[in-house]
Structures are given as structure tokens and as C-alpha cells.
């Protein structure tokens, strides 16, 4: 079953829009705590929350980069949907779930084992 490039394009644009809207809501700034007014546990919790927000923002940026890369490949690469490791077609259902995939399931499994 051939991949439907238009559907994948629409999915990728929708994903990019959703992530972009989430990114606009983020305003991760350096935390400044008044050491005399905030308890030790409150400071630790604030620092943990800050680190979690930074990590979420990093993951969102990485996802946006993967989406933009997939859109470029979808437009220019005639081999889009072919596994980068073994050269076999990636199952259309896998691409439908996540169009940014570059590997088939067996090759992805091998990479995750190492």
C-alpha cells in the first residue's frame, strides 16, 4: 500500500501547529528565589518545576525540528518512507502514526537494543 503524501503532509502540519501553540504558552525563565523568604522544600520544588519545564521545551523543539525535517523529506525525497538502515519500505500504518519515522520497526528495535 503506497503512502499518501498529502495525508502525511496534513498530519505533520497539524502536529507542527499544535506544538507551536504549546511553545507560545511556554515562558521558561530563570528562577530567582528570595532565600530568606522561601523554605528549602519550596526552593527545591521550584527548581524541579523549572527543570521539568526546560526539558519539556527542549523536547518540543526537537519534535518541531523532526516535523520540519519530515516535511522537507516528504517534498524532496522520492525515497520518503524507506528505512534509512535497511532500505525496505516503512509500513504505511507506522508512518500514519508518526510521519517523522526514519526506520522500520525491526531496525528501530536493533538501534534501541544498543
N, C-alpha and C. Protein backbone atom coordinates (compact mmCIF):
# COMPACT_ATOMS: atom_id res chain seq x y z
N UNK A 1 0.84 -1.18 0.00
CA UNK A 1 0.00 0.00 0.00
C UNK A 1 0.89 1.24 0.00
N UNK A 2 0.79 2.07 -1.04
CA UNK A 2 1.63 3.27 -1.11
C UNK A 2 1.23 4.29 -0.04
N UNK A 3 2.22 5.10 0.31
CA UNK A 3 1.94 6.13 1.31
C UNK A 3 1.20 7.29 0.66
N UNK A 4 0.31 7.88 1.41
CA UNK A 4 -0.45 9.03 0.94
C UNK A 4 0.27 10.29 1.43
N UNK A 5 1.07 10.85 0.56
CA UNK A 5 1.91 12.00 0.94
C UNK A 5 1.08 13.20 1.39
N UNK A 6 -0.06 13.43 0.76
CA UNK A 6 -0.89 14.57 1.14
C UNK A 6 -1.42 14.42 2.56
N UNK A 7 -1.87 13.22 2.91
CA UNK A 7 -2.37 12.98 4.26
C UNK A 7 -1.26 13.15 5.28
N UNK A 8 -0.07 12.61 4.97
CA UNK A 8 1.07 12.76 5.88
C UNK A 8 1.43 14.23 6.04
N UNK A 9 1.41 14.96 4.95
CA UNK A 9 1.71 16.40 4.99
C UNK A 9 0.72 17.11 5.92
N UNK A 10 -0.56 16.79 5.79
CA UNK A 10 -1.58 17.41 6.64
C UNK A 10 -1.37 17.06 8.10
N UNK A 11 -1.03 15.81 8.37
CA UNK A 11 -0.77 15.38 9.76
C UNK A 11 0.42 16.14 10.33
N UNK A 12 1.48 16.26 9.55
CA UNK A 12 2.67 16.96 10.02
C UNK A 12 2.39 18.44 10.27
N UNK A 13 1.64 19.08 9.38
CA UNK A 13 1.29 20.49 9.60
C UNK A 13 0.43 20.66 10.85
N UNK A 14 -0.49 19.74 11.07
CA UNK A 14 -1.33 19.81 12.27
C UNK A 14 -0.49 19.62 13.53
N UNK A 15 0.44 18.68 13.49
CA UNK A 15 1.31 18.46 14.64
C UNK A 15 2.18 19.69 14.90
N UNK A 16 2.71 20.27 13.83
CA UNK A 16 3.55 21.45 13.99
C UNK A 16 2.75 22.60 14.60
N UNK A 17 1.53 22.80 14.13
CA UNK A 17 0.68 23.87 14.66
C UNK A 17 0.40 23.67 16.15
N UNK A 18 0.07 22.44 16.54
CA UNK A 18 -0.22 22.16 17.95
C UNK A 18 1.02 22.42 18.82
N UNK A 19 2.18 21.95 18.37
CA UNK A 19 3.41 22.17 19.14
C UNK A 19 3.79 23.65 19.18
N UNK A 20 3.57 24.35 18.10
CA UNK A 20 3.88 25.78 18.07
C UNK A 20 3.01 26.54 19.06
N UNK A 21 1.74 26.18 19.14
CA UNK A 21 0.85 26.84 20.09
C UNK A 21 1.28 26.54 21.52
N UNK A 22 1.70 25.30 21.78
CA UNK A 22 2.19 24.97 23.13
C UNK A 22 3.45 25.77 23.45
N UNK A 23 4.32 25.92 22.46
CA UNK A 23 5.57 26.65 22.67
C UNK A 23 5.30 28.11 23.00
N UNK A 24 4.27 28.68 22.39
CA UNK A 24 3.94 30.08 22.68
C UNK A 24 3.48 30.25 24.12
N UNK A 25 2.91 29.20 24.69
CA UNK A 25 2.45 29.28 26.08
C UNK A 25 3.61 29.19 27.06
N UNK A 26 4.71 28.58 26.60
CA UNK A 26 5.88 28.45 27.47
C UNK A 26 6.54 29.79 27.67
N UNK A 27 6.88 30.06 28.88
CA UNK A 27 7.69 31.22 29.17
C UNK A 27 8.66 30.80 30.26
N UNK A 28 9.58 29.91 29.87
CA UNK A 28 10.54 29.38 30.83
C UNK A 28 11.61 30.42 31.06
N UNK A 29 11.64 30.92 32.25
CA UNK A 29 12.62 31.94 32.59
C UNK A 29 13.46 31.43 33.76
N UNK A 30 14.58 32.06 33.95
CA UNK A 30 15.43 31.72 35.08
C UNK A 30 14.69 32.06 36.36
N UNK A 31 14.70 31.09 37.28
CA UNK A 31 14.00 31.34 38.54
C UNK A 31 14.91 32.10 39.49
N UNK A 32 14.32 33.02 40.17
CA UNK A 32 15.03 33.76 41.19
C UNK A 32 14.22 33.64 42.47
N UNK A 33 14.88 33.12 43.49
CA UNK A 33 14.20 32.91 44.75
C UNK A 33 14.81 33.78 45.83
N UNK A 34 13.95 34.32 46.63
CA UNK A 34 14.40 35.08 47.80
C UNK A 34 14.74 34.05 48.87
N UNK A 35 16.03 33.85 49.10
CA UNK A 35 16.49 32.81 50.01
C UNK A 35 16.00 33.02 51.44
N UNK A 36 15.65 34.22 51.80
CA UNK A 36 15.22 34.48 53.17
C UNK A 36 13.74 34.21 53.36
N UNK A 37 12.98 34.17 52.27
CA UNK A 37 11.52 34.05 52.39
C UNK A 37 10.97 32.69 51.98
N UNK A 38 11.75 31.91 51.26
CA UNK A 38 11.23 30.65 50.74
C UNK A 38 11.92 29.51 51.46
N UNK A 39 11.14 28.54 51.90
CA UNK A 39 11.70 27.38 52.59
C UNK A 39 12.50 26.50 51.65
N UNK A 40 13.32 25.64 52.25
CA UNK A 40 14.19 24.77 51.47
C UNK A 40 13.40 23.86 50.52
N UNK A 41 12.29 23.30 51.00
CA UNK A 41 11.48 22.42 50.16
C UNK A 41 10.83 23.19 49.02
N UNK A 42 10.39 24.40 49.29
CA UNK A 42 9.78 25.21 48.24
C UNK A 42 10.80 25.56 47.16
N UNK A 43 12.03 25.85 47.59
CA UNK A 43 13.09 26.13 46.61
C UNK A 43 13.37 24.91 45.76
N UNK A 44 13.48 23.75 46.39
CA UNK A 44 13.75 22.51 45.65
C UNK A 44 12.62 22.21 44.67
N UNK A 45 11.40 22.41 45.11
CA UNK A 45 10.25 22.17 44.24
C UNK A 45 10.24 23.16 43.06
N UNK A 46 10.55 24.40 43.33
CA UNK A 46 10.59 25.41 42.26
C UNK A 46 11.69 25.08 41.26
N UNK A 47 12.84 24.63 41.74
CA UNK A 47 13.93 24.27 40.84
C UNK A 47 13.57 23.03 40.02
N UNK A 48 12.91 22.07 40.65
CA UNK A 48 12.49 20.87 39.92
C UNK A 48 11.46 21.23 38.85
N UNK A 49 10.49 22.06 39.19
CA UNK A 49 9.49 22.51 38.21
C UNK A 49 10.15 23.22 37.05
N UNK A 50 11.14 24.04 37.37
CA UNK A 50 11.87 24.77 36.32
C UNK A 50 12.59 23.80 35.39
N UNK A 51 13.27 22.81 35.96
CA UNK A 51 13.98 21.83 35.14
C UNK A 51 13.02 21.03 34.26
N UNK A 52 11.87 20.69 34.81
CA UNK A 52 10.87 19.96 34.03
C UNK A 52 10.36 20.81 32.88
N UNK A 53 10.13 22.08 33.13
CA UNK A 53 9.67 22.99 32.08
C UNK A 53 10.73 23.14 30.99
N UNK A 54 11.99 23.23 31.39
CA UNK A 54 13.07 23.32 30.40
C UNK A 54 13.13 22.06 29.54
N UNK A 55 13.00 20.89 30.17
CA UNK A 55 13.04 19.63 29.44
C UNK A 55 11.86 19.51 28.48
N UNK A 56 10.69 19.91 28.91
CA UNK A 56 9.51 19.86 28.04
C UNK A 56 9.72 20.79 26.84
N UNK A 57 10.28 21.95 27.06
CA UNK A 57 10.54 22.89 25.97
C UNK A 57 11.58 22.32 25.01
N UNK A 58 12.60 21.66 25.54
CA UNK A 58 13.63 21.03 24.70
C UNK A 58 13.01 19.94 23.83
N UNK A 59 12.16 19.11 24.42
CA UNK A 59 11.51 18.03 23.66
C UNK A 59 10.58 18.59 22.59
N UNK A 60 9.90 19.66 22.92
CA UNK A 60 9.01 20.29 21.94
C UNK A 60 9.82 20.83 20.75
N UNK A 61 10.96 21.47 21.04
CA UNK A 61 11.83 21.97 19.96
C UNK A 61 12.33 20.82 19.10
N UNK A 62 12.73 19.72 19.74
CA UNK A 62 13.22 18.56 18.99
C UNK A 62 12.11 17.97 18.11
N UNK A 63 10.90 17.93 18.64
CA UNK A 63 9.77 17.42 17.85
C UNK A 63 9.48 18.34 16.67
N UNK A 64 9.55 19.64 16.88
CA UNK A 64 9.33 20.59 15.79
C UNK A 64 10.41 20.43 14.71
N UNK A 65 11.64 20.22 15.13
CA UNK A 65 12.72 20.01 14.16
C UNK A 65 12.49 18.73 13.37
N UNK A 66 12.04 17.67 14.04
CA UNK A 66 11.76 16.40 13.36
C UNK A 66 10.61 16.56 12.36
N UNK A 67 9.61 17.33 12.74
CA UNK A 67 8.47 17.57 11.84
C UNK A 67 8.93 18.35 10.62
N UNK A 68 9.70 19.42 10.83
CA UNK A 68 10.19 20.22 9.70
C UNK A 68 11.08 19.38 8.78
N UNK A 69 11.90 18.52 9.37
CA UNK A 69 12.75 17.63 8.59
C UNK A 69 11.90 16.66 7.77
N UNK A 70 10.87 16.09 8.38
CA UNK A 70 9.99 15.17 7.68
C UNK A 70 9.26 15.87 6.53
N UNK A 71 8.84 17.11 6.75
CA UNK A 71 8.18 17.86 5.68
C UNK A 71 9.14 18.10 4.51
N UNK A 72 10.39 18.44 4.81
CA UNK A 72 11.39 18.63 3.75
C UNK A 72 11.60 17.33 2.97
N UNK A 73 11.76 16.22 3.71
CA UNK A 73 11.97 14.93 3.06
C UNK A 73 10.75 14.53 2.24
N UNK A 74 9.58 14.79 2.77
CA UNK A 74 8.34 14.44 2.07
C UNK A 74 8.24 15.17 0.73
N UNK A 75 8.69 16.42 0.70
CA UNK A 75 8.62 17.22 -0.52
C UNK A 75 9.71 16.86 -1.53
N UNK A 76 10.93 16.58 -1.04
CA UNK A 76 12.08 16.48 -1.94
C UNK A 76 12.62 15.07 -2.13
N UNK A 77 12.34 14.17 -1.21
CA UNK A 77 12.97 12.85 -1.24
C UNK A 77 12.02 11.82 -1.84
N UNK A 78 12.34 11.30 -3.02
CA UNK A 78 11.47 10.28 -3.61
C UNK A 78 11.47 8.98 -2.81
N UNK A 79 12.48 8.81 -1.95
CA UNK A 79 12.55 7.60 -1.12
C UNK A 79 11.94 7.81 0.27
N UNK A 80 11.13 8.86 0.44
CA UNK A 80 10.48 9.05 1.73
C UNK A 80 9.66 7.80 2.04
N UNK A 81 9.77 7.33 3.26
CA UNK A 81 9.03 6.14 3.66
C UNK A 81 9.85 4.87 3.53
N UNK A 82 11.13 5.03 3.16
CA UNK A 82 12.04 3.89 3.06
C UNK A 82 12.99 3.95 4.26
N UNK A 83 13.19 2.82 4.91
CA UNK A 83 14.05 2.74 6.09
C UNK A 83 15.47 3.17 5.74
N UNK A 84 16.03 4.04 6.56
CA UNK A 84 17.39 4.53 6.32
C UNK A 84 18.45 3.48 6.57
N UNK A 85 18.14 2.46 7.36
CA UNK A 85 19.14 1.43 7.66
C UNK A 85 19.13 0.27 6.66
N UNK A 86 17.95 -0.28 6.38
CA UNK A 86 17.88 -1.48 5.55
C UNK A 86 17.36 -1.23 4.14
N UNK A 87 16.76 -0.06 3.90
CA UNK A 87 16.27 0.26 2.57
C UNK A 87 14.91 -0.33 2.23
N UNK A 88 14.30 -0.99 3.19
CA UNK A 88 12.97 -1.55 2.98
C UNK A 88 11.91 -0.49 3.27
N UNK A 89 10.72 -0.61 2.65
CA UNK A 89 9.65 0.36 2.93
C UNK A 89 9.20 0.29 4.39
N UNK A 90 8.95 1.46 4.96
CA UNK A 90 8.38 1.54 6.30
C UNK A 90 6.88 1.32 6.14
N UNK A 91 6.31 0.50 7.00
CA UNK A 91 4.89 0.19 6.91
C UNK A 91 4.07 1.48 6.97
N UNK A 92 3.11 1.60 6.06
CA UNK A 92 2.30 2.82 5.96
C UNK A 92 1.60 3.16 7.27
N UNK A 93 1.16 2.14 8.01
CA UNK A 93 0.50 2.40 9.30
C UNK A 93 1.46 3.05 10.28
N UNK A 94 2.72 2.64 10.23
CA UNK A 94 3.73 3.24 11.13
C UNK A 94 3.91 4.72 10.77
N UNK A 95 4.00 5.00 9.49
CA UNK A 95 4.14 6.40 9.06
C UNK A 95 2.89 7.20 9.37
N UNK A 96 1.73 6.57 9.27
CA UNK A 96 0.48 7.28 9.58
C UNK A 96 0.45 7.68 11.05
N UNK A 97 0.99 6.83 11.92
CA UNK A 97 1.04 7.14 13.36
C UNK A 97 2.07 8.21 13.67
N UNK A 98 3.20 8.14 12.96
CA UNK A 98 4.27 9.11 13.20
C UNK A 98 5.06 9.32 11.91
N UNK A 99 4.68 10.32 11.12
CA UNK A 99 5.34 10.55 9.84
C UNK A 99 6.81 10.95 9.93
N UNK A 100 7.31 11.20 11.13
CA UNK A 100 8.72 11.57 11.27
C UNK A 100 9.62 10.34 11.34
N UNK A 101 9.05 9.14 11.35
CA UNK A 101 9.84 7.92 11.45
C UNK A 101 10.79 7.80 10.27
N UNK A 102 12.01 7.36 10.57
CA UNK A 102 13.02 7.17 9.53
C UNK A 102 13.41 5.70 9.40
N UNK A 103 12.95 4.89 10.35
CA UNK A 103 13.34 3.48 10.38
C UNK A 103 12.13 2.57 10.44
N UNK A 104 12.28 1.36 9.89
CA UNK A 104 11.24 0.35 10.04
C UNK A 104 11.31 -0.20 11.46
N UNK A 105 10.31 -0.95 11.85
CA UNK A 105 10.25 -1.47 13.23
C UNK A 105 11.44 -2.36 13.56
N UNK A 106 11.82 -3.32 12.70
CA UNK A 106 12.99 -4.16 13.06
C UNK A 106 14.28 -3.36 13.25
N UNK A 107 14.53 -2.39 12.37
CA UNK A 107 15.76 -1.60 12.50
C UNK A 107 15.70 -0.69 13.73
N UNK A 108 14.53 -0.14 14.02
CA UNK A 108 14.37 0.67 15.23
C UNK A 108 14.65 -0.17 16.48
N UNK A 109 14.16 -1.41 16.47
CA UNK A 109 14.39 -2.31 17.61
C UNK A 109 15.87 -2.59 17.80
N UNK A 110 16.59 -2.80 16.70
CA UNK A 110 18.03 -3.05 16.78
C UNK A 110 18.74 -1.84 17.38
N UNK A 111 18.38 -0.64 16.93
CA UNK A 111 19.01 0.57 17.46
C UNK A 111 18.73 0.75 18.94
N UNK A 112 17.52 0.42 19.37
CA UNK A 112 17.16 0.61 20.78
C UNK A 112 17.86 -0.40 21.67
N UNK A 113 18.25 -1.56 21.12
CA UNK A 113 18.96 -2.57 21.92
C UNK A 113 20.39 -2.17 22.19
N UNK A 114 20.97 -1.34 21.33
CA UNK A 114 22.39 -0.99 21.50
C UNK A 114 22.55 0.23 22.34
